[in-house]
Amino acid sequence: MVCGLGCKEALPRHQRLRLLLTNGRFPVSLDLARQLRKAGHQVFVVDPMEYHVCAFSIKVKSSMQVSAPHDDAKGYVQGVLTAIEKWQIDQIIPIHEEIFYLAECGEPAILERLFAPPFELLVRLHNKWEFTKMMQRLGMDVPEAQLCTNYGDVESLNLEKYKHGMALKPCFGRACTGVHHLEISEPLPECNELNIGHHNHYIAQEWTKGTRYCTYSVVRDGRVEATSLYPVTDTIDGSSCVYFKQKYHEGIYNYILEFVRRCSEIHGPFSGQLAFDFVEDLENNRLVTIECNPRSTSGIHLWTRTPYLAYVLTNSLPDVGHEEKPIQPPPTHIWHGPSHAQVAAGMIMWEHRDATLSVWAHHMARLVGARDVVWAWRDPMPVIAEPFLLTTYFTMARKAGLQLPELFQHQVLWEPQGTHLEQVRKIIEDADARDEEKARRISNELETVMTSQTDAIAPCGPISDDVGSAPEKMPGYFTGEESPVLDRKTSQPDVPSLNSGTMRDSAVSETSIQVPAQQAVDNVAAEKHHE
């Protein structure tokens, strides 16, 4: 539901925390810092840049320059440890791909404060191929995909199978970087365009046409506590959105809830940030997610100038009795419509090559009507300092031989190479093997319970034909099939539809018939906790 908490934002003193953001250079960093401060927390920032947008904000208590993790991972980790000790940090909220350096560092002082899932889950959510495999194992709908480890794999793709072709992109990629649209009528990109090989695997993914949506959720202990959702409209590169308007889509909300539930059954309840990219294909009545970012994203902007997301991130959401979770961004204070925001500088640079007059008109209306997430009357210095910052950034980009957008991300990207890459792949391989074993164990235990239930009712006489018989094997979440839910009218297995918005009701029905099997799930969950 839409957040309906009162307007007294600041928390009692005993609930206020000292929070560390892992970089201060993005609009998301600044917006989140302001939201956290509005809730009463003290905000600190580390960043490889000495001058960044958060350094000029009065909402940030202090900022420290640290090593760039992309170039000196150990130096960055040491800088974070220094910040923890110097500022007595209670919690670390990761902003970008610095999350991977921290999650794999092995430092207890960092890991016990980092708001993120364990590294083995985190890296599989981030890697596009591993994410696809995980979703298929959990029985969630994703586009068909194929792993490409060399150019020969690309040449052997069966593009004729897919009406709209395939998307070819690096497994460790982000946004639209390195994405190629492969179509049967067009020649393949040259080998030297792809940089594909053992060191850089690609995923070829069924190209799904439809309405694109982005989501941002906060999960705590296996429970979705907050979710924002916006359609992709105005972008600066065809992918990076600069205009955000909250929309409620029941199918997508149910998809996220179901994913977290199923994922927690295998991996144990986890905490962290989840951001999905969805495509709704109305032509085929299909809703799929194409990738996941397990970190902060622009969905944070839909909570701008409110403390509610800050409450959730710090586990301090006031208990008012009637507040449902996951909470959604509240309506804007001026229009009382859905929350909407923009990055004004990005809106001016939006992608408009194929824009019609109508599209231009709608874009200008959004530009005028939405509030900028960077500008704030009570915190104006980040905007006033922008000319100075841009001059500094252009100088740095020229020296590094990078374009300005690349400069912003380059220092904080996580791109495992060489021995490090092999270690990461081994972690993924071992984690996959454990998951498959746990999945088989759960499936076998559920099958045993279902068999015992069937044996228990056998003396009562044969089952009538109009009721239906139990399946020979209990389909599980982890075999690529949806778990069956018995329809109360027909007692036949039925699969809940994500698009119809019946997932929540179906889940209730499922619980009502699988209560005897819950002990099997609890046994595995207890074992996971013990591990």
Protein backbone atom coordinates (compact mmCIF):
# COMPACT_ATOMS: atom_id res chain seq x y z
CA MET A 1 0.00 0.00 0.00
CA VAL A 2 1.04 3.63 -0.29
CA CYS A 3 2.93 4.71 2.80
CA GLY A 4 0.53 6.49 5.12
CA LEU A 5 2.75 7.28 8.08
CA GLY A 6 2.60 10.61 9.81
CA CYS A 7 4.75 13.61 9.00
CA LYS A 8 6.89 13.66 12.17
CA GLU A 9 9.94 12.26 10.45
CA ALA A 10 12.86 12.29 12.91
CA LEU A 11 13.33 9.14 14.95
CA PRO A 12 13.90 9.12 18.73
CA ARG A 13 17.57 9.62 19.57
CA HIS A 14 18.13 6.02 20.65
CA GLN A 15 17.10 4.83 17.16
CA ARG A 16 19.32 7.21 15.20
CA LEU A 17 22.30 5.58 13.50
CA ARG A 18 25.64 6.58 12.03
CA LEU A 19 25.45 5.43 8.41
CA LEU A 20 28.12 5.08 5.74
CA LEU A 21 27.39 5.41 2.00
CA THR A 22 29.96 3.66 -0.21
CA ASN A 23 30.24 6.53 -2.71
CA GLY A 24 29.01 10.11 -2.96
CA ARG A 25 29.16 10.86 -6.68
CA PHE A 26 25.73 9.86 -8.01
CA PRO A 27 22.36 11.63 -7.69
CA VAL A 28 21.17 8.49 -5.89
CA SER A 29 23.91 9.00 -3.28
CA LEU A 30 22.80 12.57 -2.60
CA ASP A 31 19.09 11.79 -2.57
CA LEU A 32 19.55 8.86 -0.20
CA ALA A 33 21.77 10.92 2.11
CA ARG A 34 19.03 13.54 2.39
CA GLN A 35 16.37 10.91 3.06
CA LEU A 36 18.47 9.29 5.78
CA ARG A 37 19.15 12.66 7.39
CA LYS A 38 15.44 13.50 7.29
CA ALA A 39 14.84 10.39 9.39
CA GLY A 40 17.33 11.69 11.96
CA HIS A 41 20.40 9.60 11.09
CA GLN A 42 23.94 10.92 10.64
CA VAL A 43 25.36 10.25 7.17
CA PHE A 44 29.01 9.75 6.24
CA VAL A 45 30.48 9.10 2.79
CA VAL A 46 33.62 7.54 1.31
CA ASP A 47 34.54 8.07 -2.35
CA PRO A 48 37.65 7.81 -4.55
CA MET A 49 36.99 11.39 -5.69
CA GLU A 50 37.97 14.21 -3.36
CA TYR A 51 35.18 16.40 -4.75
CA HIS A 52 31.76 14.92 -5.39
CA VAL A 53 28.16 16.05 -5.11
CA CYS A 54 27.68 14.73 -1.56
CA ALA A 55 30.76 16.56 -0.31
CA PHE A 56 28.88 19.86 -0.74
CA SER A 57 25.68 18.76 0.99
CA ILE A 58 24.89 19.92 4.51
CA LYS A 59 23.06 16.61 4.99
CA VAL A 60 26.38 14.72 4.94
CA LYS A 61 28.25 14.88 8.24
CA SER A 62 31.67 14.13 6.76
CA SER A 63 33.34 12.72 3.65
CA MET A 64 36.62 10.84 3.16
CA GLN A 65 38.64 10.18 -0.01
CA VAL A 66 39.65 6.53 -0.38
CA SER A 67 41.34 4.37 -3.01
CA ALA A 68 39.35 3.46 -6.13
CA PRO A 69 38.21 -0.16 -5.64
CA HIS A 70 38.58 -0.94 -9.36
CA ASP A 71 42.29 -0.11 -9.17
CA ASP A 72 43.08 -0.90 -5.53
CA ALA A 73 40.49 -3.15 -3.90
CA LYS A 74 42.52 -3.70 -0.72
CA GLY A 75 43.09 0.04 -0.38
CA TYR A 76 39.36 0.72 -0.71
CA VAL A 77 38.50 -1.91 1.91
CA GLN A 78 41.10 -0.44 4.25
CA GLY A 79 39.61 3.00 3.71
CA VAL A 80 36.17 1.70 4.70
CA LEU A 81 37.65 0.07 7.81
CA THR A 82 39.25 3.38 8.73
CA ALA A 83 35.91 5.16 8.26
CA ILE A 84 34.14 2.60 10.47
CA GLU A 85 36.60 3.16 13.28
CA LYS A 86 36.88 6.93 12.88
CA TRP A 87 33.15 7.64 12.64
CA GLN A 88 31.83 4.71 14.73
CA ILE A 89 29.65 3.50 11.84
CA ASP A 90 26.58 1.40 12.69
CA GLN A 91 25.53 0.35 9.17
CA ILE A 92 26.95 0.44 5.63
CA ILE A 93 24.52 1.08 2.76
CA PRO A 94 26.11 0.17 -0.60
CA ILE A 95 25.42 2.45 -3.56
CA HIS A 96 27.05 0.91 -6.64
CA GLU A 97 29.34 -2.00 -7.45
CA GLU A 98 31.55 -1.27 -4.45
CA ILE A 99 29.16 -3.72 -2.79
CA PHE A 100 31.03 -6.67 -4.33
CA TYR A 101 34.42 -5.58 -3.04
CA LEU A 102 33.00 -5.25 0.45
CA ALA A 103 30.91 -8.44 0.38
CA GLU A 104 33.92 -10.58 -0.59
CA CYS A 105 36.52 -8.85 1.60
CA GLY A 106 36.14 -11.23 4.56
CA GLU A 107 36.47 -8.41 7.11
CA PRO A 108 34.04 -9.03 10.03
CA ALA A 109 33.84 -5.31 10.86
CA ILE A 110 32.51 -4.67 7.34
CA LEU A 111 30.38 -7.79 6.82
CA GLU A 112 28.44 -7.38 10.07
CA ARG A 113 27.48 -3.82 9.07
CA LEU A 114 26.95 -4.28 5.31
CA PHE A 115 23.31 -4.26 4.22
CA ALA A 116 23.64 -6.93 1.54
CA PRO A 117 23.09 -10.66 0.94
CA PRO A 118 26.01 -13.11 1.26
CA PHE A 119 28.55 -12.84 -1.56
CA GLU A 120 27.64 -16.16 -3.19
CA LEU A 121 24.02 -15.03 -3.62
CA LEU A 122 24.97 -11.46 -4.47
CA VAL A 123 27.25 -12.41 -7.37
CA ARG A 124 24.67 -14.78 -8.87
CA LEU A 125 22.03 -12.07 -8.82
CA HIS A 126 24.47 -9.74 -10.59
CA ASN A 127 25.82 -12.15 -13.22
CA LYS A 128 23.21 -12.22 -15.98
CA TRP A 129 23.70 -15.88 -16.90
CA GLU A 130 23.77 -17.09 -13.29
CA PHE A 131 20.70 -14.98 -12.55
CA THR A 132 18.83 -16.64 -15.42
CA LYS A 133 19.77 -20.11 -14.17
CA MET A 134 18.69 -19.22 -10.64
CA MET A 135 15.33 -17.90 -11.78
CA GLN A 136 14.70 -21.02 -13.86
CA ARG A 137 15.62 -23.18 -10.88
CA LEU A 138 13.12 -21.26 -8.76
CA GLY A 139 10.41 -21.65 -11.41
CA MET A 140 10.20 -17.93 -12.23
CA ASP A 141 9.51 -16.78 -15.79
CA VAL A 142 12.56 -15.36 -17.60
CA PRO A 143 13.43 -15.14 -21.30
CA GLU A 144 15.15 -18.15 -22.86
CA ALA A 145 18.91 -17.73 -22.85
CA GLN A 146 22.17 -19.35 -23.88
CA LEU A 147 25.69 -18.91 -22.54
CA CYS A 148 28.29 -17.82 -25.11
CA THR A 149 31.91 -18.42 -24.11
CA ASN A 150 33.41 -17.80 -27.56
CA TYR A 151 32.50 -16.32 -30.93
CA GLY A 152 31.58 -19.76 -32.27
CA ASP A 153 28.75 -19.93 -29.74
CA VAL A 154 27.42 -16.64 -31.11
CA GLU A 155 27.57 -17.90 -34.69
CA SER A 156 25.64 -21.05 -33.75
CA LEU A 157 22.70 -19.20 -32.18
CA ASN A 158 19.33 -20.17 -33.65
CA LEU A 159 17.96 -16.68 -34.24
CA GLU A 160 15.09 -18.01 -36.37
CA LYS A 161 13.54 -19.45 -33.22
CA TYR A 162 12.83 -16.00 -31.81
CA LYS A 163 10.47 -13.57 -33.48
CA HIS A 164 12.34 -10.48 -32.31
CA GLY A 165 15.83 -11.95 -32.25
CA MET A 166 18.14 -12.08 -29.22
CA ALA A 167 20.00 -9.68 -26.95
CA LEU A 168 23.72 -10.38 -26.65
CA LYS A 169 25.43 -8.81 -23.65
CA PRO A 170 28.30 -9.43 -21.20
CA CYS A 171 27.41 -11.54 -18.16
CA PHE A 172 29.13 -8.99 -15.94
CA GLY A 173 27.63 -5.94 -17.61
CA ARG A 174 25.44 -3.05 -16.59
CA ALA A 175 22.73 -0.87 -18.18
CA CYS A 176 23.02 -1.06 -21.98
CA THR A 177 26.82 -1.32 -22.05
CA GLY A 178 27.94 -3.78 -24.72
CA VAL A 179 24.40 -4.87 -25.66
CA HIS A 180 23.82 -6.04 -29.24
CA HIS A 181 20.43 -6.78 -30.78
CA LEU A 182 20.87 -9.88 -32.95
CA GLU A 183 18.30 -10.29 -35.72
CA ILE A 184 18.09 -12.88 -38.47
CA SER A 185 17.99 -10.17 -41.13
CA GLU A 186 21.12 -8.40 -39.85
CA PRO A 187 24.77 -9.51 -39.88
CA LEU A 188 26.34 -10.53 -36.58
CA PRO A 189 28.70 -8.08 -34.88
CA GLU A 190 32.36 -8.70 -35.68
CA CYS A 191 34.39 -10.78 -33.25
CA ASN A 192 36.59 -7.81 -32.33
CA GLU A 193 33.48 -5.82 -31.38
CA LEU A 194 32.53 -8.26 -28.64
CA ASN A 195 35.71 -8.98 -26.67
CA ILE A 196 34.21 -12.39 -25.97
CA GLY A 197 36.29 -15.25 -24.60
CA HIS A 198 37.17 -17.26 -21.51
CA HIS A 199 37.77 -14.05 -19.58
CA ASN A 200 34.48 -12.45 -20.66
CA HIS A 201 31.42 -14.63 -21.13
CA TYR A 202 28.27 -13.32 -22.83
CA ILE A 203 24.62 -14.24 -22.51
CA ALA A 204 22.34 -14.47 -25.54
CA GLN A 205 18.84 -13.75 -24.28
CA GLU A 206 15.51 -13.93 -26.08
CA TRP A 207 14.56 -10.37 -27.06
CA THR A 208 11.22 -9.61 -25.44
CA LYS A 209 9.19 -6.68 -26.72
CA GLY A 210 6.75 -4.88 -24.50
CA THR A 211 6.46 -2.26 -21.79
CA ARG A 212 9.60 -1.95 -19.70
CA TYR A 213 9.52 -1.40 -15.95
CA CYS A 214 12.19 -0.95 -13.30
CA THR A 215 11.72 -1.81 -9.64
CA TYR A 216 13.63 -1.18 -6.44
CA SER A 217 12.94 -3.20 -3.29
CA VAL A 218 14.31 -3.50 0.21
CA VAL A 219 14.32 -7.01 1.68
CA ARG A 220 14.97 -7.78 5.32
CA ASP A 221 15.19 -11.32 6.70
CA GLY A 222 13.39 -12.73 3.67
CA ARG A 223 10.55 -10.21 3.76
CA VAL A 224 9.93 -7.47 1.17
CA GLU A 225 9.55 -4.28 3.20
CA ALA A 226 9.41 -1.58 0.50
CA THR A 227 9.07 -1.49 -3.28
CA SER A 228 8.98 1.30 -5.85
CA LEU A 229 8.17 0.72 -9.51
CA TYR A 230 8.30 2.96 -12.57
CA PRO A 231 7.94 2.50 -16.34
CA VAL A 232 10.97 3.28 -18.50
CA THR A 233 10.21 6.46 -20.47
CA ASP A 234 12.82 9.22 -20.68
CA THR A 235 16.40 7.92 -20.93
CA ILE A 236 19.78 9.37 -21.89
CA ASP A 237 21.15 6.22 -23.53
CA GLY A 238 18.13 4.05 -24.21
CA SER A 239 18.51 2.44 -20.79
CA SER A 240 19.46 4.91 -18.03
CA CYS A 241 16.20 6.46 -16.90
CA VAL A 242 16.09 10.11 -15.82
CA TYR A 243 12.35 10.44 -15.16
CA PHE A 244 10.59 8.38 -12.53
CA LYS A 245 6.88 8.06 -11.85
CA GLN A 246 5.54 5.54 -9.38
CA LYS A 247 3.09 2.98 -10.75
CA TYR A 248 1.38 0.07 -9.06
CA HIS A 249 1.49 -3.15 -11.07
CA GLU A 250 0.04 -6.07 -9.14
CA GLY A 251 1.65 -8.72 -11.31
CA ILE A 252 5.13 -7.26 -10.79
CA TYR A 253 4.63 -6.80 -7.05
CA ASN A 254 3.49 -10.41 -6.75
CA TYR A 255 6.43 -11.58 -8.86
CA ILE A 256 8.89 -9.90 -6.48
CA LEU A 257 7.16 -11.27 -3.38
CA GLU A 258 7.15 -14.76 -4.84
CA PHE A 259 10.80 -14.59 -5.88
CA VAL A 260 11.92 -13.54 -2.40
CA ARG A 261 9.83 -16.29 -0.82
CA ARG A 262 11.20 -19.00 -3.09
CA CYS A 263 14.76 -17.71 -2.90
CA SER A 264 14.60 -17.68 0.90
CA GLU A 265 13.49 -21.32 0.93
CA ILE A 266 16.75 -22.33 -0.75
CA HIS A 267 19.25 -19.71 0.48
CA GLY A 268 17.69 -18.86 3.80
CA PRO A 269 16.12 -15.48 4.65
CA PHE A 270 18.35 -12.71 3.33
CA SER A 271 18.54 -8.93 3.57
CA GLY A 272 19.54 -6.31 1.03
CA GLN A 273 18.44 -4.24 -1.94
CA LEU A 274 16.95 -5.76 -5.11
CA ALA A 275 16.30 -3.96 -8.38
CA PHE A 276 14.72 -5.80 -11.31
CA ASP A 277 14.22 -4.89 -14.96
CA PHE A 278 10.87 -6.24 -16.19
CA VAL A 279 9.25 -6.52 -19.61
CA GLU A 280 5.49 -6.98 -19.90
CA ASP A 281 4.64 -8.68 -23.19
CA LEU A 282 0.90 -8.11 -23.53
CA GLU A 283 0.81 -9.82 -26.92
CA ASN A 284 1.75 -13.14 -25.31
CA ASN A 285 0.33 -12.37 -21.85
CA ARG A 286 3.77 -12.73 -20.33
CA LEU A 287 5.70 -10.93 -17.60
CA VAL A 288 9.45 -11.58 -17.40
CA THR A 289 12.44 -10.13 -15.64
CA ILE A 290 15.58 -9.78 -17.72
CA GLU A 291 18.18 -8.89 -15.08
CA CYS A 292 18.76 -7.87 -11.48
CA ASN A 293 20.86 -5.24 -9.71
CA PRO A 294 21.33 -6.18 -6.02
CA ARG A 295 22.19 -2.62 -4.93
CA SER A 296 20.90 0.95 -4.86
CA THR A 297 19.27 2.18 -8.07
CA SER A 298 17.26 5.15 -9.31
CA GLY A 299 14.07 3.72 -7.79
CA ILE A 300 15.27 5.43 -4.61
CA HIS A 301 14.29 8.78 -6.18
CA LEU A 302 10.59 7.95 -5.85
CA TRP A 303 11.03 8.31 -2.08
CA THR A 304 12.76 11.70 -2.40
CA ARG A 305 12.17 14.22 0.40
CA THR A 306 10.51 11.60 2.61
CA PRO A 307 11.94 9.52 5.48
CA TYR A 308 10.02 6.31 4.79
CA LEU A 309 12.64 4.44 2.77
CA ALA A 310 15.22 5.50 5.37
CA TYR A 311 13.06 3.89 8.05
CA VAL A 312 13.03 0.63 6.12
CA LEU A 313 16.75 0.60 5.29
CA THR A 314 17.61 1.08 8.97
CA ASN A 315 14.92 -1.28 10.31
CA SER A 316 13.19 1.56 12.14
CA LEU A 317 9.82 1.76 10.36
CA PRO A 318 7.32 2.86 13.04
CA ASP A 319 4.82 0.17 13.92
CA VAL A 320 1.46 1.90 13.53
CA GLY A 321 -0.54 -1.31 13.47
CA HIS A 322 -2.25 -0.85 10.10
CA GLU A 323 0.77 -0.33 7.86
CA GLU A 324 1.06 -3.08 5.25
CA LYS A 325 4.33 -4.18 3.69
CA PRO A 326 5.85 -3.72 1.24
CA ILE A 327 5.18 -0.01 1.52
CA GLN A 328 5.18 2.10 -1.65
CA PRO A 329 6.36 5.68 -2.20
CA PRO A 330 3.82 8.21 -0.89
CA PRO A 331 2.04 10.58 -3.29
CA THR A 332 3.60 13.96 -4.01
CA HIS A 333 2.66 16.70 -1.58
CA ILE A 334 1.63 19.17 -4.29
CA TRP A 335 -0.53 17.17 -6.70
CA HIS A 336 -1.39 14.24 -4.42
CA GLY A 337 -0.81 11.97 -7.39
CA PRO A 338 1.75 9.18 -7.80
CA SER A 339 5.26 10.07 -6.68
CA HIS A 340 7.38 11.34 -9.56
CA ALA A 341 10.85 12.83 -9.82
CA GLN A 342 13.56 13.60 -12.35
CA VAL A 343 17.26 14.18 -12.79
CA ALA A 344 16.88 17.54 -14.53
CA ALA A 345 20.32 17.55 -16.18
CA GLY A 346 19.61 14.11 -17.60
CA MET A 347 16.14 15.12 -18.80
CA ILE A 348 17.76 17.82 -20.92
CA MET A 349 20.04 15.19 -22.52
CA TRP A 350 17.31 12.57 -23.07
CA GLU A 351 17.40 10.14 -25.99
CA HIS A 352 15.10 11.69 -28.64
CA ARG A 353 16.26 10.48 -32.06
CA ASP A 354 12.90 8.94 -32.96
CA ALA A 355 10.69 11.28 -30.94
CA THR A 356 7.46 12.51 -32.51
CA LEU A 357 5.85 15.86 -31.73
CA SER A 358 3.56 14.15 -29.23
CA VAL A 359 6.52 12.49 -27.51
CA TRP A 360 8.30 15.86 -27.33
CA ALA A 361 5.22 17.46 -25.77
CA HIS A 362 4.87 14.76 -23.13
CA HIS A 363 8.58 14.97 -22.35
CA MET A 364 8.42 18.74 -21.85
CA ALA A 365 5.38 18.34 -19.59
CA ARG A 366 7.32 15.89 -17.44
CA LEU A 367 10.36 18.17 -17.44
CA VAL A 368 8.28 21.08 -16.14
CA GLY A 369 6.04 19.10 -13.79
CA ALA A 370 8.47 16.83 -11.93
CA ARG A 371 10.78 17.91 -9.14
CA ASP A 372 14.53 17.63 -9.56
CA VAL A 373 16.15 15.22 -7.11
CA VAL A 374 19.40 17.21 -6.97
CA TRP A 375 17.99 20.67 -6.20
CA ALA A 376 16.79 21.47 -2.68
CA TRP A 377 16.14 24.95 -1.29
CA ARG A 378 17.56 24.02 2.11
CA ASP A 379 20.58 22.27 0.59
CA PRO A 380 21.52 24.29 -2.53
CA MET A 381 25.30 23.84 -2.61
CA PRO A 382 25.35 20.56 -4.61
CA VAL A 383 23.69 22.39 -7.53
CA ILE A 384 25.71 25.58 -7.08
CA ALA A 385 28.92 23.51 -7.14
CA GLU A 386 28.00 21.66 -10.35
CA PRO A 387 30.02 23.94 -12.72
CA PHE A 388 33.11 23.41 -10.57
CA LEU A 389 32.48 19.67 -10.36
CA LEU A 390 31.95 19.32 -14.13
CA THR A 391 35.19 21.15 -14.84
CA THR A 392 37.03 18.83 -12.45
CA TYR A 393 35.38 15.75 -13.96
CA PHE A 394 36.19 16.73 -17.55
CA THR A 395 39.84 17.22 -16.58
CA MET A 396 39.93 13.80 -14.92
CA ALA A 397 38.21 12.16 -17.90
CA ARG A 398 40.67 13.67 -20.36
CA LYS A 399 43.65 12.46 -18.34
CA ALA A 400 42.17 8.96 -18.07
CA GLY A 401 41.14 8.82 -21.73
CA LEU A 402 37.51 8.17 -20.80
CA GLN A 403 34.17 9.70 -21.67
CA LEU A 404 32.48 11.51 -18.78
CA PRO A 405 29.80 8.82 -18.13
CA GLU A 406 32.53 6.14 -18.14
CA LEU A 407 34.59 8.13 -15.65
CA PHE A 408 31.77 8.15 -13.11
CA GLN A 409 31.50 4.37 -13.14
CA HIS A 410 35.04 3.25 -13.96
CA GLN A 411 36.52 3.71 -10.48
CA VAL A 412 33.77 1.72 -8.75
CA LEU A 413 33.12 -1.07 -11.27
CA TRP A 414 33.60 -4.68 -10.21
CA GLU A 415 35.15 -6.64 -13.08
CA PRO A 416 36.88 -9.83 -11.85
CA GLN A 417 39.81 -10.87 -14.04
CA GLY A 418 42.43 -13.63 -14.11
CA THR A 419 42.82 -15.60 -10.90
CA HIS A 420 40.12 -13.52 -9.22
CA LEU A 421 37.64 -14.44 -11.96
CA GLU A 422 38.45 -18.15 -11.58
CA GLN A 423 37.89 -17.88 -7.83
CA VAL A 424 34.52 -16.22 -8.37
CA ARG A 425 33.47 -18.90 -10.87
CA LYS A 426 34.46 -21.61 -8.38
CA ILE A 427 32.35 -19.94 -5.69
CA ILE A 428 29.40 -19.87 -8.10
CA GLU A 429 29.93 -23.50 -9.15
CA ASP A 430 30.06 -24.73 -5.55
CA ALA A 431 27.02 -22.66 -4.58
CA ASP A 432 25.04 -24.03 -7.54
CA ALA A 433 25.89 -27.59 -6.52
CA ARG A 434 24.73 -26.96 -2.95
CA ASP A 435 21.51 -25.37 -4.18
CA GLU A 436 20.73 -28.29 -6.46
CA GLU A 437 21.32 -30.75 -3.63
CA LYS A 438 19.07 -28.77 -1.28
CA ALA A 439 16.42 -28.52 -3.99
CA ARG A 440 16.44 -32.29 -4.48
CA ARG A 441 16.24 -32.81 -0.73
CA ILE A 442 13.25 -30.50 -0.41
CA SER A 443 11.55 -32.13 -3.39
CA ASN A 444 12.14 -35.62 -1.98
CA GLU A 445 10.88 -34.66 1.49
CA LEU A 446 7.78 -33.03 0.04
CA GLU A 447 7.17 -36.11 -2.12
CA THR A 448 7.51 -38.34 0.93
CA VAL A 449 4.99 -36.24 2.85
CA MET A 450 2.55 -36.24 -0.07
CA THR A 451 2.90 -40.02 -0.41
CA SER A 452 2.25 -40.53 3.30
CA GLN A 453 -0.85 -38.34 3.05
CA THR A 454 -2.10 -40.42 0.10
CA ASP A 455 -1.47 -43.66 2.02
CA ALA A 456 -3.29 -42.25 5.04
CA ILE A 457 -6.52 -41.63 3.10
CA ALA A 458 -6.37 -44.82 1.00
CA PRO A 459 -8.39 -46.95 3.50
CA CYS A 460 -11.28 -44.55 3.12
CA GLY A 461 -11.92 -45.85 -0.38
CA PRO A 462 -10.92 -44.94 -3.93
CA ILE A 463 -10.70 -41.35 -5.04
CA SER A 464 -13.59 -40.27 -7.22
CA ASP A 465 -12.83 -39.43 -10.85
CA ASP A 466 -14.39 -35.97 -10.52
CA VAL A 467 -11.91 -35.05 -7.78
CA GLY A 468 -8.73 -36.01 -9.60
CA SER A 469 -5.71 -37.95 -8.44
CA ALA A 470 -2.42 -36.79 -7.04
CA PRO A 471 0.42 -36.32 -9.51
CA GLU A 472 3.03 -39.07 -9.73
CA LYS A 473 5.76 -36.60 -8.74
CA MET A 474 5.33 -33.40 -6.84
CA PRO A 475 6.52 -30.65 -9.21
CA GLY A 476 8.77 -28.26 -7.31
CA TYR A 477 9.86 -24.66 -7.51
CA PHE A 478 13.31 -25.84 -8.38
CA THR A 479 12.74 -27.95 -11.49
CA GLY A 480 11.69 -25.17 -13.85
CA GLU A 481 7.99 -25.88 -13.18
CA GLU A 482 5.55 -23.94 -11.06
CA SER A 483 4.53 -25.72 -7.88
CA PRO A 484 0.92 -26.83 -8.23
CA VAL A 485 -1.81 -25.10 -6.27
CA LEU A 486 -5.00 -27.07 -5.83
CA ASP A 487 -8.01 -25.14 -7.01
CA ARG A 488 -10.66 -25.28 -4.29
CA LYS A 489 -13.41 -25.98 -6.81
CA THR A 490 -11.81 -28.73 -8.91
CA SER A 491 -8.93 -29.96 -6.71
CA GLN A 492 -6.79 -29.99 -9.83
CA PRO A 493 -3.26 -28.59 -9.94
CA ASP A 494 -3.34 -24.99 -11.12
CA VAL A 495 -0.52 -22.54 -11.76
CA PRO A 496 -1.02 -19.01 -10.39
CA SER A 497 -0.80 -16.32 -13.05
CA LEU A 498 1.54 -13.43 -12.39
CA ASN A 499 -0.23 -11.26 -14.92
CA SER A 500 -3.70 -11.87 -13.55
CA GLY A 501 -2.75 -10.65 -10.10
CA THR A 502 -3.84 -13.88 -8.41
CA MET A 503 -0.44 -14.87 -7.04
CA ARG A 504 -1.25 -13.72 -3.53
CA ASP A 505 -4.53 -15.63 -3.37
CA SER A 506 -2.90 -18.68 -4.91
CA ALA A 507 -0.10 -18.57 -2.38
CA VAL A 508 -2.67 -18.61 0.42
CA SER A 509 -4.38 -21.62 -1.14
CA GLU A 510 -1.03 -23.36 -1.46
CA THR A 511 -0.22 -22.81 2.20
CA SER A 512 -3.59 -24.21 3.21
CA ILE A 513 -2.90 -27.56 1.52
CA GLN A 514 0.81 -27.87 2.28
CA VAL A 515 0.83 -27.24 6.03
CA PRO A 516 1.78 -30.90 6.80
CA ALA A 517 4.79 -30.47 4.50
CA GLN A 518 6.03 -27.36 6.26
CA GLN A 519 8.17 -29.43 8.63
CA ALA A 520 10.21 -30.61 5.65
CA VAL A 521 10.91 -27.04 4.60
CA ASP A 522 11.67 -26.04 8.20
CA ASN A 523 14.21 -28.87 8.49
CA VAL A 524 16.12 -27.64 5.46
CA ALA A 525 15.87 -24.01 6.60
CA ALA A 526 17.24 -24.98 10.02
CA GLU A 527 20.11 -26.80 8.36
CA LYS A 528 20.85 -23.74 6.20
CA HIS A 529 20.89 -21.57 9.33
CA HIS A 530 23.26 -24.01 11.05
CA GLU A 531 25.63 -23.89 8.07
